[in-house]
């Protein structure tokens, strides 16, 4: 099964840098669009695998304000 995401990317010097806006934290880069796509897929897989690992310590959250 596959999931489709929108890849946003831009040129940064010699690199193409991209992200999946629907999945916060999934960023990567590549010398070509094909390499960027492969790297983004790897970054997504790592993110999914990391989330599947049970956390052995309690996680806390707190809302904070950030100036606009």
PDB file of N, CA and C in Angstrom:
ATOM      1  N   UNK A   1       0.837  -1.181   0.000  1.00  0.00           N
ATOM      2  CA  UNK A   1       0.000   0.000   0.000  1.00  0.00           C
ATOM      3  C   UNK A   1       0.887   1.251   0.000  1.00  0.00           C
ATOM      4  N   UNK A   2       0.474   2.243  -0.710  1.00  0.00           N
ATOM      5  CA  UNK A   2       1.210   3.509  -0.779  1.00  0.00           C
ATOM      6  C   UNK A   2       0.341   4.649  -0.283  1.00  0.00           C
ATOM      7  N   UNK A   3       0.992   5.654   0.250  1.00  0.00           N
ATOM      8  CA  UNK A   3       0.332   6.894   0.659  1.00  0.00           C
ATOM      9  C   UNK A   3       0.930   7.997  -0.196  1.00  0.00           C
ATOM     10  N   UNK A   4       0.090   8.900  -0.680  1.00  0.00           N
ATOM     11  CA  UNK A   4       0.582  10.006  -1.510  1.00  0.00           C
ATOM     12  C   UNK A   4       0.665  11.276  -0.658  1.00  0.00           C
ATOM     13  N   UNK A   5       1.788  11.973  -0.796  1.00  0.00           N
ATOM     14  CA  UNK A   5       2.011  13.245  -0.120  1.00  0.00           C
ATOM     15  C   UNK A   5       2.442  14.273  -1.151  1.00  0.00           C
ATOM     16  N   UNK A   6       2.226  15.517  -0.832  1.00  0.00           N
ATOM     17  CA  UNK A   6       2.718  16.606  -1.673  1.00  0.00           C
ATOM     18  C   UNK A   6       4.137  16.949  -1.213  1.00  0.00           C
ATOM     19  N   UNK A   7       5.076  16.960  -2.140  1.00  0.00           N
ATOM     20  CA  UNK A   7       6.453  17.343  -1.857  1.00  0.00           C
ATOM     21  C   UNK A   7       6.628  18.808  -2.236  1.00  0.00           C
ATOM     22  N   UNK A   8       6.987  19.632  -1.268  1.00  0.00           N
ATOM     23  CA  UNK A   8       7.349  21.024  -1.545  1.00  0.00           C
ATOM     24  C   UNK A   8       8.873  21.078  -1.605  1.00  0.00           C
ATOM     25  N   UNK A   9       9.418  21.726  -2.631  1.00  0.00           N
ATOM     26  CA  UNK A   9      10.877  21.799  -2.724  1.00  0.00           C
ATOM     27  C   UNK A   9      11.312  23.118  -3.330  1.00  0.00           C
ATOM     28  N   UNK A  10      12.565  23.477  -3.049  1.00  0.00           N
ATOM     29  CA  UNK A  10      13.135  24.733  -3.523  1.00  0.00           C
ATOM     30  C   UNK A  10      14.640  24.555  -3.686  1.00  0.00           C
ATOM     31  N   UNK A  11      15.225  25.453  -4.425  1.00  0.00           N
ATOM     32  CA  UNK A  11      16.660  25.439  -4.695  1.00  0.00           C
ATOM     33  C   UNK A  11      17.371  26.204  -3.578  1.00  0.00           C
ATOM     34  N   UNK A  12      18.425  25.614  -3.023  1.00  0.00           N
ATOM     35  CA  UNK A  12      19.245  26.271  -2.009  1.00  0.00           C
ATOM     36  C   UNK A  12      20.703  26.038  -2.393  1.00  0.00           C
ATOM     37  N   UNK A  13      21.278  26.985  -3.110  1.00  0.00           N
ATOM     38  CA  UNK A  13      22.623  26.804  -3.647  1.00  0.00           C
ATOM     39  C   UNK A  13      22.585  25.665  -4.654  1.00  0.00           C
ATOM     40  N   UNK A  14      23.486  24.709  -4.531  1.00  0.00           N
ATOM     41  CA  UNK A  14      23.494  23.593  -5.488  1.00  0.00           C
ATOM     42  C   UNK A  14      22.468  22.504  -5.151  1.00  0.00           C
ATOM     43  N   UNK A  15      21.789  22.620  -4.015  1.00  0.00           N
ATOM     44  CA  UNK A  15      20.891  21.573  -3.540  1.00  0.00           C
ATOM     45  C   UNK A  15      19.429  21.882  -3.809  1.00  0.00           C
ATOM     46  N   UNK A  16      18.640  20.832  -3.953  1.00  0.00           N
ATOM     47  CA  UNK A  16      17.190  20.927  -3.880  1.00  0.00           C
ATOM     48  C   UNK A  16      16.823  20.475  -2.471  1.00  0.00           C
ATOM     49  N   UNK A  17      16.079  21.303  -1.771  1.00  0.00           N
ATOM     50  CA  UNK A  17      15.664  21.013  -0.403  1.00  0.00           C
ATOM     51  C   UNK A  17      14.159  20.828  -0.424  1.00  0.00           C
ATOM     52  N   UNK A  18      13.659  19.854   0.311  1.00  0.00           N
ATOM     53  CA  UNK A  18      12.229  19.607   0.277  1.00  0.00           C
ATOM     54  C   UNK A  18      11.677  19.159   1.609  1.00  0.00           C
ATOM     55  N   UNK A  19      10.341  19.193   1.666  1.00  0.00           N
ATOM     56  CA  UNK A  19       9.653  18.760   2.872  1.00  0.00           C
ATOM     57  C   UNK A  19       8.286  18.204   2.499  1.00  0.00           C
ATOM     58  N   UNK A  20       7.720  17.435   3.404  1.00  0.00           N
ATOM     59  CA  UNK A  20       6.353  16.971   3.275  1.00  0.00           C
ATOM     60  C   UNK A  20       5.527  17.789   4.269  1.00  0.00           C
ATOM     61  N   UNK A  21       4.790  18.792   3.794  1.00  0.00           N
ATOM     62  CA  UNK A  21       4.077  19.659   4.731  1.00  0.00           C
ATOM     63  C   UNK A  21       3.029  18.923   5.561  1.00  0.00           C
ATOM     64  N   UNK A  22       2.528  17.805   5.068  1.00  0.00           N
ATOM     65  CA  UNK A  22       1.530  17.039   5.809  1.00  0.00           C
ATOM     66  C   UNK A  22       2.158  16.233   6.946  1.00  0.00           C
ATOM     67  N   UNK A  23       3.493  16.098   6.946  1.00  0.00           N
ATOM     68  CA  UNK A  23       4.194  15.311   7.966  1.00  0.00           C
ATOM     69  C   UNK A  23       5.295  16.184   8.564  1.00  0.00           C
ATOM     70  N   UNK A  24       4.991  16.916   9.631  1.00  0.00           N
ATOM     71  CA  UNK A  24       5.995  17.799  10.218  1.00  0.00           C
ATOM     72  C   UNK A  24       7.271  17.048  10.574  1.00  0.00           C
ATOM     73  N   UNK A  25       8.400  17.664  10.255  1.00  0.00           N
ATOM     74  CA  UNK A  25       9.688  17.084  10.586  1.00  0.00           C
ATOM     75  C   UNK A  25      10.324  16.278   9.474  1.00  0.00           C
ATOM     76  N   UNK A  26       9.614  16.058   8.380  1.00  0.00           N
ATOM     77  CA  UNK A  26      10.189  15.297   7.269  1.00  0.00           C
ATOM     78  C   UNK A  26      10.752  16.287   6.254  1.00  0.00           C
ATOM     79  N   UNK A  27      12.071  16.488   6.330  1.00  0.00           N
ATOM     80  CA  UNK A  27      12.825  17.364   5.435  1.00  0.00           C
ATOM     81  C   UNK A  27      13.980  16.564   4.866  1.00  0.00           C
ATOM     82  N   UNK A  28      14.465  16.932   3.699  1.00  0.00           N
ATOM     83  CA  UNK A  28      15.678  16.343   3.162  1.00  0.00           C
ATOM     84  C   UNK A  28      16.204  17.215   2.037  1.00  0.00           C
ATOM     85  N   UNK A  29      17.270  16.739   1.392  1.00  0.00           N
ATOM     86  CA  UNK A  29      17.860  17.462   0.272  1.00  0.00           C
ATOM     87  C   UNK A  29      18.439  16.464  -0.706  1.00  0.00           C
ATOM     88  N   UNK A  30      18.741  16.946  -1.894  1.00  0.00           N
ATOM     89  CA  UNK A  30      19.357  16.104  -2.911  1.00  0.00           C
ATOM     90  C   UNK A  30      19.934  16.967  -4.012  1.00  0.00           C
ATOM     91  N   UNK A  31      20.880  16.394  -4.743  1.00  0.00           N
ATOM     92  CA  UNK A  31      21.500  17.112  -5.857  1.00  0.00           C
ATOM     93  C   UNK A  31      20.565  17.169  -7.059  1.00  0.00           C
ATOM     94  N   UNK A  32      19.665  16.177  -7.160  1.00  0.00           N
ATOM     95  CA  UNK A  32      18.674  16.128  -8.242  1.00  0.00           C
ATOM     96  C   UNK A  32      17.294  15.912  -7.632  1.00  0.00           C
ATOM     97  N   UNK A  33      16.276  16.121  -8.425  1.00  0.00           N
ATOM     98  CA  UNK A  33      14.917  15.892  -7.931  1.00  0.00           C
ATOM     99  C   UNK A  33      14.724  14.415  -7.575  1.00  0.00           C
ATOM    100  N   UNK A  34      15.271  13.526  -8.384  1.00  0.00           N
ATOM    101  CA  UNK A  34      15.152  12.089  -8.102  1.00  0.00           C
ATOM    102  C   UNK A  34      15.820  11.731  -6.764  1.00  0.00           C
ATOM    103  N   UNK A  35      17.013  12.295  -6.518  1.00  0.00           N
ATOM    104  CA  UNK A  35      17.707  12.032  -5.260  1.00  0.00           C
ATOM    105  C   UNK A  35      16.921  12.615  -4.085  1.00  0.00           C
ATOM    106  N   UNK A  36      16.374  13.814  -4.244  1.00  0.00           N
ATOM    107  CA  UNK A  36      15.558  14.413  -3.200  1.00  0.00           C
ATOM    108  C   UNK A  36      14.357  13.527  -2.890  1.00  0.00           C
ATOM    109  N   UNK A  37      13.675  13.025  -3.920  1.00  0.00           N
ATOM    110  CA  UNK A  37      12.514  12.165  -3.700  1.00  0.00           C
ATOM    111  C   UNK A  37      12.913  10.907  -2.923  1.00  0.00           C
ATOM    112  N   UNK A  38      14.024  10.282  -3.297  1.00  0.00           N
ATOM    113  CA  UNK A  38      14.499   9.095  -2.579  1.00  0.00           C
ATOM    114  C   UNK A  38      14.815   9.432  -1.122  1.00  0.00           C
ATOM    115  N   UNK A  39      15.483  10.570  -0.906  1.00  0.00           N
ATOM    116  CA  UNK A  39      15.857  10.970   0.452  1.00  0.00           C
ATOM    117  C   UNK A  39      14.629  11.314   1.301  1.00  0.00           C
ATOM    118  N   UNK A  40      13.629  11.940   0.688  1.00  0.00           N
ATOM    119  CA  UNK A  40      12.389  12.254   1.416  1.00  0.00           C
ATOM    120  C   UNK A  40      11.682  10.958   1.808  1.00  0.00           C
ATOM    121  N   UNK A  41      11.651   9.989   0.902  1.00  0.00           N
ATOM    122  CA  UNK A  41      11.038   8.688   1.236  1.00  0.00           C
ATOM    123  C   UNK A  41      11.770   8.049   2.421  1.00  0.00           C
ATOM    124  N   UNK A  42      13.102   8.099   2.417  1.00  0.00           N
ATOM    125  CA  UNK A  42      13.886   7.564   3.531  1.00  0.00           C
ATOM    126  C   UNK A  42      13.581   8.306   4.829  1.00  0.00           C
ATOM    127  N   UNK A  43      13.508   9.638   4.756  1.00  0.00           N
ATOM    128  CA  UNK A  43      13.215  10.444   5.944  1.00  0.00           C
ATOM    129  C   UNK A  43      11.832  10.096   6.496  1.00  0.00           C
ATOM    130  N   UNK A  44      10.864   9.901   5.597  1.00  0.00           N
ATOM    131  CA  UNK A  44       9.516   9.526   6.033  1.00  0.00           C
ATOM    132  C   UNK A  44       9.545   8.161   6.719  1.00  0.00           C
ATOM    133  N   UNK A  45      10.231   7.191   6.113  1.00  0.00           N
ATOM    134  CA  UNK A  45      10.311   5.847   6.706  1.00  0.00           C
ATOM    135  C   UNK A  45      10.955   5.903   8.100  1.00  0.00           C
ATOM    136  N   UNK A  46      12.029   6.694   8.236  1.00  0.00           N
ATOM    137  CA  UNK A  46      12.680   6.820   9.540  1.00  0.00           C
ATOM    138  C   UNK A  46      11.742   7.440  10.567  1.00  0.00           C
ATOM    139  N   UNK A  47      10.954   8.434  10.139  1.00  0.00           N
ATOM    140  CA  UNK A  47      10.010   9.080  11.046  1.00  0.00           C
ATOM    141  C   UNK A  47       8.953   8.076  11.510  1.00  0.00           C
ATOM    142  N   UNK A  48       8.427   7.286  10.588  1.00  0.00           N
ATOM    143  CA  UNK A  48       7.398   6.306  10.928  1.00  0.00           C
ATOM    144  C   UNK A  48       7.972   5.237  11.852  1.00  0.00           C
ATOM    145  N   UNK A  49       9.179   4.758  11.567  1.00  0.00           N
ATOM    146  CA  UNK A  49       9.814   3.750  12.409  1.00  0.00           C
ATOM    147  C   UNK A  49      10.076   4.294  13.805  1.00  0.00           C
ATOM    148  N   UNK A  50      10.505   5.547  13.896  1.00  0.00           N
ATOM    149  CA  UNK A  50      10.796   6.158  15.185  1.00  0.00           C
ATOM    150  C   UNK A  50       9.531   6.262  16.022  1.00  0.00           C
ATOM    151  N   UNK A  51       8.407   6.624  15.385  1.00  0.00           N
ATOM    152  CA  UNK A  51       7.152   6.756  16.113  1.00  0.00           C
ATOM    153  C   UNK A  51       6.631   5.402  16.572  1.00  0.00           C
ATOM    154  N   UNK A  52       7.030   4.324  15.919  1.00  0.00           N
ATOM    155  CA  UNK A  52       6.557   2.993  16.282  1.00  0.00           C
ATOM    156  C   UNK A  52       7.304   2.433  17.491  1.00  0.00           C
ATOM    157  N   UNK A  53       8.448   3.034  17.840  1.00  0.00           N
ATOM    158  CA  UNK A  53       9.221   2.557  18.989  1.00  0.00           C
ATOM    159  C   UNK A  53       8.555   3.055  20.267  1.00  0.00           C
ATOM    160  N   UNK A  54       8.201   2.126  21.178  1.00  0.00           N
ATOM    161  CA  UNK A  54       7.565   2.564  22.421  1.00  0.00           C
ATOM    162  C   UNK A  54       8.517   3.420  23.252  1.00  0.00           C
ATOM    163  N   UNK A  55       7.990   4.445  23.824  1.00  0.00           N
ATOM    164  CA  UNK A  55       8.778   5.343  24.663  1.00  0.00           C
ATOM    165  C   UNK A  55       8.765   4.793  26.082  1.00  0.00           C
ATOM    166  N   UNK A  56       9.936   4.628  26.668  1.00  0.00           N
ATOM    167  CA  UNK A  56      10.017   4.014  27.984  1.00  0.00           C
ATOM    168  C   UNK A  56       9.951   5.031  29.117  1.00  0.00           C
ATOM    169  N   UNK A  57       9.982   6.306  28.806  1.00  0.00           N
ATOM    170  CA  UNK A  57       9.869   7.330  29.840  1.00  0.00           C
ATOM    171  C   UNK A  57       8.643   8.176  29.556  1.00  0.00           C
ATOM    172  N   UNK A  58       8.005   8.702  30.600  1.00  0.00           N
ATOM    173  CA  UNK A  58       6.820   9.530  30.363  1.00  0.00           C
ATOM    174  C   UNK A  58       7.180  10.805  29.591  1.00  0.00           C
ATOM    175  N   UNK A  59       6.340  11.160  28.665  1.00  0.00           N
ATOM    176  CA  UNK A  59       6.522  12.371  27.880  1.00  0.00           C
ATOM    177  C   UNK A  59       5.541  13.414  28.389  1.00  0.00           C
ATOM    178  N   UNK A  60       6.027  14.626  28.572  1.00  0.00           N
ATOM    179  CA  UNK A  60       5.179  15.709  29.042  1.00  0.00           C
ATOM    180  C   UNK A  60       5.019  16.731  27.932  1.00  0.00           C
ATOM    181  N   UNK A  61       3.949  17.487  27.978  1.00  0.00           N
ATOM    182  CA  UNK A  61       3.733  18.559  27.014  1.00  0.00           C
ATOM    183  C   UNK A  61       3.396  19.841  27.766  1.00  0.00           C
ATOM    184  N   UNK A  62       3.623  20.950  27.110  1.00  0.00           N
ATOM    185  CA  UNK A  62       3.309  22.257  27.677  1.00  0.00           C
ATOM    186  C   UNK A  62       3.079  23.206  26.514  1.00  0.00           C
ATOM    187  N   UNK A  63       2.026  24.002  26.585  1.00  0.00           N
ATOM    188  CA  UNK A  63       1.792  25.016  25.565  1.00  0.00           C
ATOM    189  C   UNK A  63       2.634  26.237  25.896  1.00  0.00           C
ATOM    190  N   UNK A  64       3.236  26.823  24.865  1.00  0.00           N
ATOM    191  CA  UNK A  64       4.039  28.035  25.046  1.00  0.00           C
ATOM    192  C   UNK A  64       3.622  29.069  24.020  1.00  0.00           C
ATOM    193  N   UNK A  65       3.936  30.307  24.276  1.00  0.00           N
ATOM    194  CA  UNK A  65       3.652  31.374  23.329  1.00  0.00           C
ATOM    195  C   UNK A  65       4.925  31.706  22.556  1.00  0.00           C
ATOM    196  N   UNK A  66       4.748  32.000  21.272  1.00  0.00           N
ATOM    197  CA  UNK A  66       5.852  32.408  20.419  1.00  0.00           C
ATOM    198  C   UNK A  66       5.426  33.717  19.764  1.00  0.00           C
ATOM    199  N   UNK A  67       6.252  34.756  19.829  1.00  0.00           N
ATOM    200  CA  UNK A  67       5.871  36.017  19.200  1.00  0.00           C
ATOM    201  C   UNK A  67       5.630  35.843  17.717  1.00  0.00           C
ATOM    202  N   UNK A  68       4.610  36.515  17.204  1.00  0.00           N
ATOM    203  CA  UNK A  68       4.275  36.433  15.766  1.00  0.00           C
ATOM    204  C   UNK A  68       5.162  37.325  14.953  1.00  0.00           C
TER     205      UNK A  68
END
